[in-house]
Amino acid sequence: FETVHDALSELGAKTLIETVEQIKNGTAVRIKQDDALATHAAKIEK
């Protein structure tokens, strides 16, 4: 969890900046989620 958390936190930052740029210049594309493929990541309990 620690290594994946740290890697995704940095990857998330990079992806967010790309996202903001696309929104600003009008090239962002909205993609609807397919609810049939959804899975749930419940909070970790004891």
ModelCIF file with pLDDT and N, C-alpha, C, O atoms, coordinates in Angstrom:
data_MODEL
#
_entry.id   MODEL 
#
_entity.id                         1 
_entity.type                       polymer 
_entity.pdbx_number_of_molecules   1 
#
_entity_poly.entity_id                      1 
_entity_poly.type                           'polypeptide(L)' 
_entity_poly.nstd_linkage                   no 
_entity_poly.nstd_monomer                   no 
_entity_poly.pdbx_seq_one_letter_code       FETVHDALSELGAKTLIETVEQIKNGTAVRIKQDDALATHAAKIEK 
_entity_poly.pdbx_seq_one_letter_code_can   FETVHDALSELGAKTLIETVEQIKNGTAVRIKQDDALATHAAKIEK 
_entity_poly.pdbx_strand_id                 A 
#
loop_
_entity_poly_seq.entity_id 
_entity_poly_seq.num 
_entity_poly_seq.mon_id 
_entity_poly_seq.hetero 
1 1  PHE n 
1 2  GLU n 
1 3  THR n 
1 4  VAL n 
1 5  HIS n 
1 6  ASP n 
1 7  ALA n 
1 8  LEU n 
1 9  SER n 
1 10 GLU n 
1 11 LEU n 
1 12 GLY n 
1 13 ALA n 
1 14 LYS n 
1 15 THR n 
1 16 LEU n 
1 17 ILE n 
1 18 GLU n 
1 19 THR n 
1 20 VAL n 
1 21 GLU n 
1 22 GLN n 
1 23 ILE n 
1 24 LYS n 
1 25 ASN n 
1 26 GLY n 
1 27 THR n 
1 28 ALA n 
1 29 VAL n 
1 30 ARG n 
1 31 ILE n 
1 32 LYS n 
1 33 GLN n 
1 34 ASP n 
1 35 ASP n 
1 36 ALA n 
1 37 LEU n 
1 38 ALA n 
1 39 THR n 
1 40 HIS n 
1 41 ALA n 
1 42 ALA n 
1 43 LYS n 
1 44 ILE n 
1 45 GLU n 
1 46 LYS n 
#
_struct_asym.id          A 
_struct_asym.entity_id   1 
#
loop_
_ma_qa_metric.id 
_ma_qa_metric.mode 
_ma_qa_metric.name 
_ma_qa_metric.software_group_id 
_ma_qa_metric.type 
1 global pLDDT . pLDDT 
2 local  pLDDT . pLDDT 
#
_ma_qa_metric_global.metric_id      1 
_ma_qa_metric_global.metric_value   97.39 
_ma_qa_metric_global.model_id       1 
_ma_qa_metric_global.ordinal_id     1 
#
loop_
_ma_qa_metric_local.label_asym_id 
_ma_qa_metric_local.label_comp_id 
_ma_qa_metric_local.label_seq_id 
_ma_qa_metric_local.metric_id 
_ma_qa_metric_local.metric_value 
_ma_qa_metric_local.model_id 
_ma_qa_metric_local.ordinal_id 
A PHE 1  2 98.00 1 1  
A GLU 2  2 98.00 1 2  
A THR 3  2 98.00 1 3  
A VAL 4  2 98.00 1 4  
A HIS 5  2 98.00 1 5  
A ASP 6  2 98.00 1 6  
A ALA 7  2 98.00 1 7  
A LEU 8  2 98.00 1 8  
A SER 9  2 98.00 1 9  
A GLU 10 2 98.00 1 10 
A LEU 11 2 98.00 1 11 
A GLY 12 2 98.00 1 12 
A ALA 13 2 98.00 1 13 
A LYS 14 2 98.00 1 14 
A THR 15 2 98.00 1 15 
A LEU 16 2 98.00 1 16 
A ILE 17 2 98.00 1 17 
A GLU 18 2 98.00 1 18 
A THR 19 2 98.00 1 19 
A VAL 20 2 98.00 1 20 
A GLU 21 2 97.00 1 21 
A GLN 22 2 98.00 1 22 
A ILE 23 2 98.00 1 23 
A LYS 24 2 95.00 1 24 
A ASN 25 2 96.00 1 25 
A GLY 26 2 96.00 1 26 
A THR 27 2 98.00 1 27 
A ALA 28 2 98.00 1 28 
A VAL 29 2 98.00 1 29 
A ARG 30 2 97.00 1 30 
A ILE 31 2 98.00 1 31 
A LYS 32 2 98.00 1 32 
A GLN 33 2 98.00 1 33 
A ASP 34 2 97.00 1 34 
A ASP 35 2 96.00 1 35 
A ALA 36 2 97.00 1 36 
A LEU 37 2 97.00 1 37 
A ALA 38 2 97.00 1 38 
A THR 39 2 97.00 1 39 
A HIS 40 2 96.00 1 40 
A ALA 41 2 97.00 1 41 
A ALA 42 2 96.00 1 42 
A LYS 43 2 95.00 1 43 
A ILE 44 2 97.00 1 44 
A GLU 45 2 97.00 1 45 
A LYS 46 2 96.00 1 46 
#
loop_
_atom_site.group_PDB 
_atom_site.id 
_atom_site.type_symbol 
_atom_site.label_atom_id 
_atom_site.label_alt_id 
_atom_site.label_comp_id 
_atom_site.label_asym_id 
_atom_site.label_entity_id 
_atom_site.label_seq_id 
_atom_site.pdbx_PDB_ins_code 
_atom_site.Cartn_x 
_atom_site.Cartn_y 
_atom_site.Cartn_z 
_atom_site.occupancy 
_atom_site.B_iso_or_equiv 
_atom_site.pdbx_formal_charge 
_atom_site.auth_seq_id 
_atom_site.auth_comp_id 
_atom_site.auth_asym_id 
_atom_site.auth_atom_id 
_atom_site.pdbx_PDB_model_num 
ATOM 1   N N  . PHE A 1 1  ? 0.822   -1.207 0.000   1.00 98.00 ? 1  PHE A N  1 
ATOM 2   C CA . PHE A 1 1  ? 0.000   0.000  0.000   1.00 98.00 ? 1  PHE A CA 1 
ATOM 3   C C  . PHE A 1 1  ? 0.858   1.260  0.000   1.00 98.00 ? 1  PHE A C  1 
ATOM 4   O O  . PHE A 1 1  ? 0.533   2.230  -0.686  1.00 98.00 ? 1  PHE A O  1 
ATOM 5   N N  . GLU A 1 2  ? 1.941   1.256  0.757   1.00 98.00 ? 2  GLU A N  1 
ATOM 6   C CA . GLU A 1 2  ? 2.795   2.439  0.844   1.00 98.00 ? 2  GLU A CA 1 
ATOM 7   C C  . GLU A 1 2  ? 3.403   2.803  -0.506  1.00 98.00 ? 2  GLU A C  1 
ATOM 8   O O  . GLU A 1 2  ? 3.357   3.964  -0.913  1.00 98.00 ? 2  GLU A O  1 
ATOM 9   N N  . THR A 1 3  ? 3.966   1.830  -1.198  1.00 98.00 ? 3  THR A N  1 
ATOM 10  C CA . THR A 1 3  ? 4.635   2.139  -2.465  1.00 98.00 ? 3  THR A CA 1 
ATOM 11  C C  . THR A 1 3  ? 3.640   2.538  -3.547  1.00 98.00 ? 3  THR A C  1 
ATOM 12  O O  . THR A 1 3  ? 3.912   3.433  -4.347  1.00 98.00 ? 3  THR A O  1 
ATOM 13  N N  . VAL A 1 4  ? 2.480   1.869  -3.571  1.00 98.00 ? 4  VAL A N  1 
ATOM 14  C CA . VAL A 1 4  ? 1.460   2.224  -4.558  1.00 98.00 ? 4  VAL A CA 1 
ATOM 15  C C  . VAL A 1 4  ? 0.890   3.609  -4.238  1.00 98.00 ? 4  VAL A C  1 
ATOM 16  O O  . VAL A 1 4  ? 0.704   4.427  -5.139  1.00 98.00 ? 4  VAL A O  1 
ATOM 17  N N  . HIS A 1 5  ? 0.616   3.868  -2.969  1.00 98.00 ? 5  HIS A N  1 
ATOM 18  C CA . HIS A 1 5  ? 0.131   5.182  -2.538  1.00 98.00 ? 5  HIS A CA 1 
ATOM 19  C C  . HIS A 1 5  ? 1.075   6.295  -2.992  1.00 98.00 ? 5  HIS A C  1 
ATOM 20  O O  . HIS A 1 5  ? 0.633   7.292  -3.561  1.00 98.00 ? 5  HIS A O  1 
ATOM 21  N N  . ASP A 1 6  ? 2.369   6.124  -2.740  1.00 98.00 ? 6  ASP A N  1 
ATOM 22  C CA . ASP A 1 6  ? 3.333   7.169  -3.077  1.00 98.00 ? 6  ASP A CA 1 
ATOM 23  C C  . ASP A 1 6  ? 3.443   7.360  -4.586  1.00 98.00 ? 6  ASP A C  1 
ATOM 24  O O  . ASP A 1 6  ? 3.541   8.488  -5.070  1.00 98.00 ? 6  ASP A O  1 
ATOM 25  N N  . ALA A 1 7  ? 3.426   6.254  -5.327  1.00 98.00 ? 7  ALA A N  1 
ATOM 26  C CA . ALA A 1 7  ? 3.517   6.351  -6.784  1.00 98.00 ? 7  ALA A CA 1 
ATOM 27  C C  . ALA A 1 7  ? 2.278   7.032  -7.374  1.00 98.00 ? 7  ALA A C  1 
ATOM 28  O O  . ALA A 1 7  ? 2.391   7.885  -8.254  1.00 98.00 ? 7  ALA A O  1 
ATOM 29  N N  . LEU A 1 8  ? 1.104   6.650  -6.886  1.00 98.00 ? 8  LEU A N  1 
ATOM 30  C CA . LEU A 1 8  ? -0.127  7.223  -7.435  1.00 98.00 ? 8  LEU A CA 1 
ATOM 31  C C  . LEU A 1 8  ? -0.319  8.676  -7.022  1.00 98.00 ? 8  LEU A C  1 
ATOM 32  O O  . LEU A 1 8  ? -0.934  9.450  -7.756  1.00 98.00 ? 8  LEU A O  1 
ATOM 33  N N  . SER A 1 9  ? 0.198   9.056  -5.860  1.00 98.00 ? 9  SER A N  1 
ATOM 34  C CA . SER A 1 9  ? 0.079   10.461 -5.457  1.00 98.00 ? 9  SER A CA 1 
ATOM 35  C C  . SER A 1 9  ? 0.839   11.365 -6.432  1.00 98.00 ? 9  SER A C  1 
ATOM 36  O O  . SER A 1 9  ? 0.368   12.451 -6.772  1.00 98.00 ? 9  SER A O  1 
ATOM 37  N N  . GLU A 1 10 ? 2.014   10.914 -6.878  1.00 98.00 ? 10 GLU A N  1 
ATOM 38  C CA . GLU A 1 10 ? 2.790   11.689 -7.857  1.00 98.00 ? 10 GLU A CA 1 
ATOM 39  C C  . GLU A 1 10 ? 2.161   11.613 -9.245  1.00 98.00 ? 10 GLU A C  1 
ATOM 40  O O  . GLU A 1 10 ? 2.115   12.607 -9.969  1.00 98.00 ? 10 GLU A O  1 
ATOM 41  N N  . LEU A 1 11 ? 1.676   10.422 -9.610  1.00 98.00 ? 11 LEU A N  1 
ATOM 42  C CA . LEU A 1 11 ? 1.017   10.260 -10.904 1.00 98.00 ? 11 LEU A CA 1 
ATOM 43  C C  . LEU A 1 11 ? -0.268  11.080 -10.955 1.00 98.00 ? 11 LEU A C  1 
ATOM 44  O O  . LEU A 1 11 ? -0.612  11.644 -11.994 1.00 98.00 ? 11 LEU A O  1 
ATOM 45  N N  . GLY A 1 12 ? -0.970  11.142 -9.834  1.00 98.00 ? 12 GLY A N  1 
ATOM 46  C CA . GLY A 1 12 ? -2.192  11.942 -9.765  1.00 98.00 ? 12 GLY A CA 1 
ATOM 47  C C  . GLY A 1 12 ? -1.918  13.416 -9.976  1.00 98.00 ? 12 GLY A C  1 
ATOM 48  O O  . GLY A 1 12 ? -2.675  14.108 -10.658 1.00 98.00 ? 12 GLY A O  1 
ATOM 49  N N  . ALA A 1 13 ? -0.830  13.896 -9.387  1.00 98.00 ? 13 ALA A N  1 
ATOM 50  C CA . ALA A 1 13 ? -0.457  15.305 -9.557  1.00 98.00 ? 13 ALA A CA 1 
ATOM 51  C C  . ALA A 1 13 ? -0.198  15.622 -11.027 1.00 98.00 ? 13 ALA A C  1 
ATOM 52  O O  . ALA A 1 13 ? -0.688  16.623 -11.550 1.00 98.00 ? 13 ALA A O  1 
ATOM 53  N N  . LYS A 1 14 ? 0.573   14.764 -11.686 1.00 98.00 ? 14 LYS A N  1 
ATOM 54  C CA . LYS A 1 14 ? 0.908   14.966 -13.100 1.00 98.00 ? 14 LYS A CA 1 
ATOM 55  C C  . LYS A 1 14 ? -0.362  14.937 -13.972 1.00 98.00 ? 14 LYS A C  1 
ATOM 56  O O  . LYS A 1 14 ? -0.530  15.761 -14.872 1.00 98.00 ? 14 LYS A O  1 
ATOM 57  N N  . THR A 1 15 ? -1.237  13.984 -13.688 1.00 98.00 ? 15 THR A N  1 
ATOM 58  C CA . THR A 1 15 ? -2.450  13.829 -14.489 1.00 98.00 ? 15 THR A CA 1 
ATOM 59  C C  . THR A 1 15 ? -3.400  14.998 -14.281 1.00 98.00 ? 15 THR A C  1 
ATOM 60  O O  . THR A 1 15 ? -4.076  15.425 -15.217 1.00 98.00 ? 15 THR A O  1 
ATOM 61  N N  . LEU A 1 16 ? -3.454  15.517 -13.059 1.00 98.00 ? 16 LEU A N  1 
ATOM 62  C CA . LEU A 1 16 ? -4.325  16.661 -12.772 1.00 98.00 ? 16 LEU A CA 1 
ATOM 63  C C  . LEU A 1 16 ? -3.873  17.895 -13.541 1.00 98.00 ? 16 LEU A C  1 
ATOM 64  O O  . LEU A 1 16 ? -4.698  18.623 -14.092 1.00 98.00 ? 16 LEU A O  1 
ATOM 65  N N  . ILE A 1 17 ? -2.567  18.130 -13.580 1.00 98.00 ? 17 ILE A N  1 
ATOM 66  C CA . ILE A 1 17 ? -2.068  19.296 -14.309 1.00 98.00 ? 17 ILE A CA 1 
ATOM 67  C C  . ILE A 1 17 ? -2.422  19.188 -15.795 1.00 98.00 ? 17 ILE A C  1 
ATOM 68  O O  . ILE A 1 17 ? -2.817  20.177 -16.412 1.00 98.00 ? 17 ILE A O  1 
ATOM 69  N N  . GLU A 1 18 ? -2.283  17.997 -16.364 1.00 98.00 ? 18 GLU A N  1 
ATOM 70  C CA . GLU A 1 18 ? -2.670  17.787 -17.766 1.00 98.00 ? 18 GLU A CA 1 
ATOM 71  C C  . GLU A 1 18 ? -4.168  18.035 -17.950 1.00 98.00 ? 18 GLU A C  1 
ATOM 72  O O  . GLU A 1 18 ? -4.595  18.606 -18.953 1.00 98.00 ? 18 GLU A O  1 
ATOM 73  N N  . THR A 1 19 ? -4.955  17.598 -16.969 1.00 98.00 ? 19 THR A N  1 
ATOM 74  C CA . THR A 1 19 ? -6.409  17.777 -17.030 1.00 98.00 ? 19 THR A CA 1 
ATOM 75  C C  . THR A 1 19 ? -6.781  19.254 -17.009 1.00 98.00 ? 19 THR A C  1 
ATOM 76  O O  . THR A 1 19 ? -7.610  19.695 -17.805 1.00 98.00 ? 19 THR A O  1 
ATOM 77  N N  . VAL A 1 20 ? -6.180  20.017 -16.112 1.00 98.00 ? 20 VAL A N  1 
ATOM 78  C CA . VAL A 1 20 ? -6.470  21.453 -16.007 1.00 98.00 ? 20 VAL A CA 1 
ATOM 79  C C  . VAL A 1 20 ? -6.115  22.160 -17.314 1.00 98.00 ? 20 VAL A C  1 
ATOM 80  O O  . VAL A 1 20 ? -6.853  23.028 -17.780 1.00 98.00 ? 20 VAL A O  1 
ATOM 81  N N  . GLU A 1 21 ? -4.980  21.781 -17.898 1.00 97.00 ? 21 GLU A N  1 
ATOM 82  C CA . GLU A 1 21 ? -4.573  22.405 -19.163 1.00 97.00 ? 21 GLU A CA 1 
ATOM 83  C C  . GLU A 1 21 ? -5.605  22.129 -20.251 1.00 97.00 ? 21 GLU A C  1 
ATOM 84  O O  . GLU A 1 21 ? -5.948  23.023 -21.025 1.00 97.00 ? 21 GLU A O  1 
ATOM 85  N N  . GLN A 1 22 ? -6.097  20.900 -20.313 1.00 98.00 ? 22 GLN A N  1 
ATOM 86  C CA . GLN A 1 22 ? -7.089  20.561 -21.339 1.00 98.00 ? 22 GLN A CA 1 
ATOM 87  C C  . GLN A 1 22 ? -8.390  21.322 -21.128 1.00 98.00 ? 22 GLN A C  1 
ATOM 88  O O  . GLN A 1 22 ? -9.011  21.783 -22.085 1.00 98.00 ? 22 GLN A O  1 
ATOM 89  N N  . ILE A 1 23 ? -8.795  21.450 -19.881 1.00 98.00 ? 23 ILE A N  1 
ATOM 90  C CA . ILE A 1 23 ? -10.018 22.208 -19.594 1.00 98.00 ? 23 ILE A CA 1 
ATOM 91  C C  . ILE A 1 23 ? -9.844  23.667 -19.996 1.00 98.00 ? 23 ILE A C  1 
ATOM 92  O O  . ILE A 1 23 ? -10.753 24.264 -20.572 1.00 98.00 ? 23 ILE A O  1 
ATOM 93  N N  . LYS A 1 24 ? -8.691  24.241 -19.698 1.00 95.00 ? 24 LYS A N  1 
ATOM 94  C CA . LYS A 1 24 ? -8.432  25.648 -20.022 1.00 95.00 ? 24 LYS A CA 1 
ATOM 95  C C  . LYS A 1 24 ? -8.432  25.897 -21.531 1.00 95.00 ? 24 LYS A C  1 
ATOM 96  O O  . LYS A 1 24 ? -8.945  26.914 -21.998 1.00 95.00 ? 24 LYS A O  1 
ATOM 97  N N  . ASN A 1 25 ? -7.850  24.959 -22.292 1.00 96.00 ? 25 ASN A N  1 
ATOM 98  C CA . ASN A 1 25 ? -7.764  25.214 -23.735 1.00 96.00 ? 25 ASN A CA 1 
ATOM 99  C C  . ASN A 1 25 ? -8.913  24.587 -24.529 1.00 96.00 ? 25 ASN A C  1 
ATOM 100 O O  . ASN A 1 25 ? -8.917  24.614 -25.759 1.00 96.00 ? 25 ASN A O  1 
ATOM 101 N N  . GLY A 1 26 ? -9.879  24.028 -23.812 1.00 96.00 ? 26 GLY A N  1 
ATOM 102 C CA . GLY A 1 26 ? -11.092 23.560 -24.465 1.00 96.00 ? 26 GLY A CA 1 
ATOM 103 C C  . GLY A 1 26 ? -10.989 22.217 -25.155 1.00 96.00 ? 26 GLY A C  1 
ATOM 104 O O  . GLY A 1 26 ? -11.841 21.879 -25.977 1.00 96.00 ? 26 GLY A O  1 
ATOM 105 N N  . THR A 1 27 ? -9.944  21.432 -24.831 1.00 98.00 ? 27 THR A N  1 
ATOM 106 C CA . THR A 1 27 ? -9.781  20.133 -25.497 1.00 98.00 ? 27 THR A CA 1 
ATOM 107 C C  . THR A 1 27 ? -10.185 18.951 -24.607 1.00 98.00 ? 27 THR A C  1 
ATOM 108 O O  . THR A 1 27 ? -10.074 17.801 -25.030 1.00 98.00 ? 27 THR A O  1 
ATOM 109 N N  . ALA A 1 28 ? -10.649 19.216 -23.392 1.00 98.00 ? 28 ALA A N  1 
ATOM 110 C CA . ALA A 1 28 ? -11.021 18.130 -22.477 1.00 98.00 ? 28 ALA A CA 1 
ATOM 111 C C  . ALA A 1 28 ? -12.231 17.372 -23.024 1.00 98.00 ? 28 ALA A C  1 
ATOM 112 O O  . ALA A 1 28 ? -13.186 17.967 -23.524 1.00 98.00 ? 28 ALA A O  1 
ATOM 113 N N  . VAL A 1 29 ? -12.165 16.056 -22.917 1.00 98.00 ? 29 VAL A N  1 
ATOM 114 C CA . VAL A 1 29 ? -13.252 15.198 -23.397 1.00 98.00 ? 29 VAL A CA 1 
ATOM 115 C C  . VAL A 1 29 ? -13.872 14.470 -22.203 1.00 98.00 ? 29 VAL A C  1 
ATOM 116 O O  . VAL A 1 29 ? -13.181 13.772 -21.462 1.00 98.00 ? 29 VAL A O  1 
ATOM 117 N N  . ARG A 1 30 ? -15.172 14.641 -22.031 1.00 97.00 ? 30 ARG A N  1 
ATOM 118 C CA . ARG A 1 30 ? -15.884 13.963 -20.947 1.00 97.00 ? 30 ARG A CA 1 
ATOM 119 C C  . ARG A 1 30 ? -16.266 12.559 -21.405 1.00 97.00 ? 30 ARG A C  1 
ATOM 120 O O  . ARG A 1 30 ? -16.822 12.377 -22.487 1.00 97.00 ? 30 ARG A O  1 
ATOM 121 N N  . ILE A 1 31 ? -15.957 11.560 -20.558 1.00 98.00 ? 31 ILE A N  1 
ATOM 122 C CA . ILE A 1 31 ? -16.266 10.164 -20.875 1.00 98.00 ? 31 ILE A CA 1 
ATOM 123 C C  . ILE A 1 31 ? -17.154 9.611  -19.774 1.00 98.00 ? 31 ILE A C  1 
ATOM 124 O O  . ILE A 1 31 ? -16.757 9.562  -18.609 1.00 98.00 ? 31 ILE A O  1 
ATOM 125 N N  . LYS A 1 32 ? -18.364 9.192  -20.149 1.00 98.00 ? 32 LYS A N  1 
ATOM 126 C CA . LYS A 1 32 ? -19.283 8.647  -19.156 1.00 98.00 ? 32 LYS A CA 1 
ATOM 127 C C  . LYS A 1 32 ? -18.791 7.284  -18.669 1.00 98.00 ? 32 LYS A C  1 
ATOM 128 O O  . LYS A 1 32 ? -18.229 6.500  -19.434 1.00 98.00 ? 32 LYS A O  1 
ATOM 129 N N  . GLN A 1 33 ? -19.011 7.022  -17.398 1.00 98.00 ? 33 GLN A N  1 
ATOM 130 C CA . GLN A 1 33 ? -18.636 5.729  -16.835 1.00 98.00 ? 33 GLN A CA 1 
ATOM 131 C C  . GLN A 1 33 ? -19.701 4.688  -17.160 1.00 98.00 ? 33 GLN A C  1 
ATOM 132 O O  . GLN A 1 33 ? -20.893 4.987  -17.224 1.00 98.00 ? 33 GLN A O  1 
ATOM 133 N N  . ASP A 1 34 ? -19.237 3.461  -17.363 1.00 97.00 ? 34 ASP A N  1 
ATOM 134 C CA . ASP A 1 34 ? -20.143 2.332  -17.565 1.00 97.00 ? 34 ASP A CA 1 
ATOM 135 C C  . ASP A 1 34 ? -20.440 1.734  -16.195 1.00 97.00 ? 34 ASP A C  1 
ATOM 136 O O  . ASP A 1 34 ? -19.606 1.025  -15.630 1.00 97.00 ? 34 ASP A O  1 
ATOM 137 N N  . ASP A 1 35 ? -21.610 2.014  -15.667 1.00 96.00 ? 35 ASP A N  1 
ATOM 138 C CA . ASP A 1 35 ? -21.949 1.553  -14.324 1.00 96.00 ? 35 ASP A CA 1 
ATOM 139 C C  . ASP A 1 35 ? -21.947 0.027  -14.213 1.00 96.00 ? 35 ASP A C  1 
ATOM 140 O O  . ASP A 1 35 ? -21.766 -0.515 -13.123 1.00 96.00 ? 35 ASP A O  1 
ATOM 141 N N  . ALA A 1 36 ? -22.144 -0.653 -15.319 1.00 97.00 ? 36 ALA A N  1 
ATOM 142 C CA . ALA A 1 36 ? -22.155 -2.119 -15.293 1.00 97.00 ? 36 ALA A CA 1 
ATOM 143 C C  . ALA A 1 36 ? -20.780 -2.687 -14.958 1.00 97.00 ? 36 ALA A C  1 
ATOM 144 O O  . ALA A 1 36 ? -20.668 -3.832 -14.520 1.00 97.00 ? 36 ALA A O  1 
ATOM 145 N N  . LEU A 1 37 ? -19.735 -1.886 -15.165 1.00 97.00 ? 37 LEU A N  1 
ATOM 146 C CA . LEU A 1 37 ? -18.368 -2.338 -14.892 1.00 97.00 ? 37 LEU A CA 1 
ATOM 147 C C  . LEU A 1 37 ? -17.861 -1.854 -13.525 1.00 97.00 ? 37 LEU A C  1 
ATOM 148 O O  . LEU A 1 37 ? -16.718 -2.116 -13.152 1.00 97.00 ? 37 LEU A O  1 
ATOM 149 N N  . ALA A 1 38 ? -18.707 -1.159 -12.800 1.00 97.00 ? 38 ALA A N  1 
ATOM 150 C CA . ALA A 1 38 ? -18.269 -0.544 -11.547 1.00 97.00 ? 38 ALA A CA 1 
ATOM 151 C C  . ALA A 1 38 ? -18.064 -1.583 -10.451 1.00 97.00 ? 38 ALA A C  1 
ATOM 152 O O  . ALA A 1 38 ? -18.820 -2.547 -10.339 1.00 97.00 ? 38 ALA A O  1 
ATOM 153 N N  . THR A 1 39 ? -17.016 -1.366 -9.638  1.00 97.00 ? 39 THR A N  1 
ATOM 154 C CA . THR A 1 39 ? -16.804 -2.142 -8.422  1.00 97.00 ? 39 THR A CA 1 
ATOM 155 C C  . THR A 1 39 ? -16.600 -1.164 -7.277  1.00 97.00 ? 39 THR A C  1 
ATOM 156 O O  . THR A 1 39 ? -16.241 -0.005 -7.485  1.00 97.00 ? 39 THR A O  1 
ATOM 157 N N  . HIS A 1 40 ? -16.836 -1.653 -6.065  1.00 96.00 ? 40 HIS A N  1 
ATOM 158 C CA . HIS A 1 40 ? -16.801 -0.770 -4.900  1.00 96.00 ? 40 HIS A CA 1 
ATOM 159 C C  . HIS A 1 40 ? -15.598 -1.076 -4.022  1.00 96.00 ? 40 HIS A C  1 
ATOM 160 O O  . HIS A 1 40 ? -15.326 -2.236 -3.714  1.00 96.00 ? 40 HIS A O  1 
ATOM 161 N N  . ALA A 1 41 ? -14.878 -0.032 -3.620  1.00 97.00 ? 41 ALA A N  1 
ATOM 162 C CA . ALA A 1 41 ? -13.708 -0.168 -2.744  1.00 97.00 ? 41 ALA A CA 1 
ATOM 163 C C  . ALA A 1 41 ? -14.084 0.347  -1.355  1.00 97.00 ? 41 ALA A C  1 
ATOM 164 O O  . ALA A 1 41 ? -13.826 1.501  -1.013  1.00 97.00 ? 41 ALA A O  1 
ATOM 165 N N  . ALA A 1 42 ? -14.691 -0.523 -0.572  1.00 96.00 ? 42 ALA A N  1 
ATOM 166 C CA . ALA A 1 42 ? -15.186 -0.124 0.738   1.00 96.00 ? 42 ALA A CA 1 
ATOM 167 C C  . ALA A 1 42 ? -14.047 0.244  1.681   1.00 96.00 ? 42 ALA A C  1 
ATOM 168 O O  . ALA A 1 42 ? -12.927 -0.247 1.546   1.00 96.00 ? 42 ALA A O  1 
ATOM 169 N N  . LYS A 1 43 ? -14.350 1.107  2.626   1.00 95.00 ? 43 LYS A N  1 
ATOM 170 C CA . LYS A 1 43 ? -13.397 1.482  3.667   1.00 95.00 ? 43 LYS A CA 1 
ATOM 171 C C  . LYS A 1 43 ? -12.866 0.232  4.366   1.00 95.00 ? 43 LYS A C  1 
ATOM 172 O O  . LYS A 1 43 ? -13.610 -0.727 4.575   1.00 95.00 ? 43 LYS A O  1 
ATOM 173 N N  . ILE A 1 44 ? -11.587 0.240  4.726   1.00 97.00 ? 44 ILE A N  1 
ATOM 174 C CA . ILE A 1 44 ? -10.982 -0.898 5.413   1.00 97.00 ? 44 ILE A CA 1 
ATOM 175 C C  . ILE A 1 44 ? -11.448 -0.916 6.867   1.00 97.00 ? 44 ILE A C  1 
ATOM 176 O O  . ILE A 1 44 ? -11.248 0.051  7.602   1.00 97.00 ? 44 ILE A O  1 
ATOM 177 N N  . GLU A 1 45 ? -12.061 -2.008 7.271   1.00 97.00 ? 45 GLU A N  1 
ATOM 178 C CA . GLU A 1 45 ? -12.515 -2.186 8.647   1.00 97.00 ? 45 GLU A CA 1 
ATOM 179 C C  . GLU A 1 45 ? -11.600 -3.190 9.351   1.00 97.00 ? 45 GLU A C  1 
ATOM 180 O O  . GLU A 1 45 ? -10.836 -3.910 8.708   1.00 97.00 ? 45 GLU A O  1 
ATOM 181 N N  . LYS A 1 46 ? -11.692 -3.223 10.682  1.00 96.00 ? 46 LYS A N  1 
ATOM 182 C CA . LYS A 1 46 ? -10.821 -4.104 11.455  1.00 96.00 ? 46 LYS A CA 1 
ATOM 183 C C  . LYS A 1 46 ? -10.980 -5.562 11.039  1.00 96.00 ? 46 LYS A C  1 
ATOM 184 O O  . LYS A 1 46 ? -10.316 -6.438 11.592  1.00 96.00 ? 46 LYS A O  1 
#
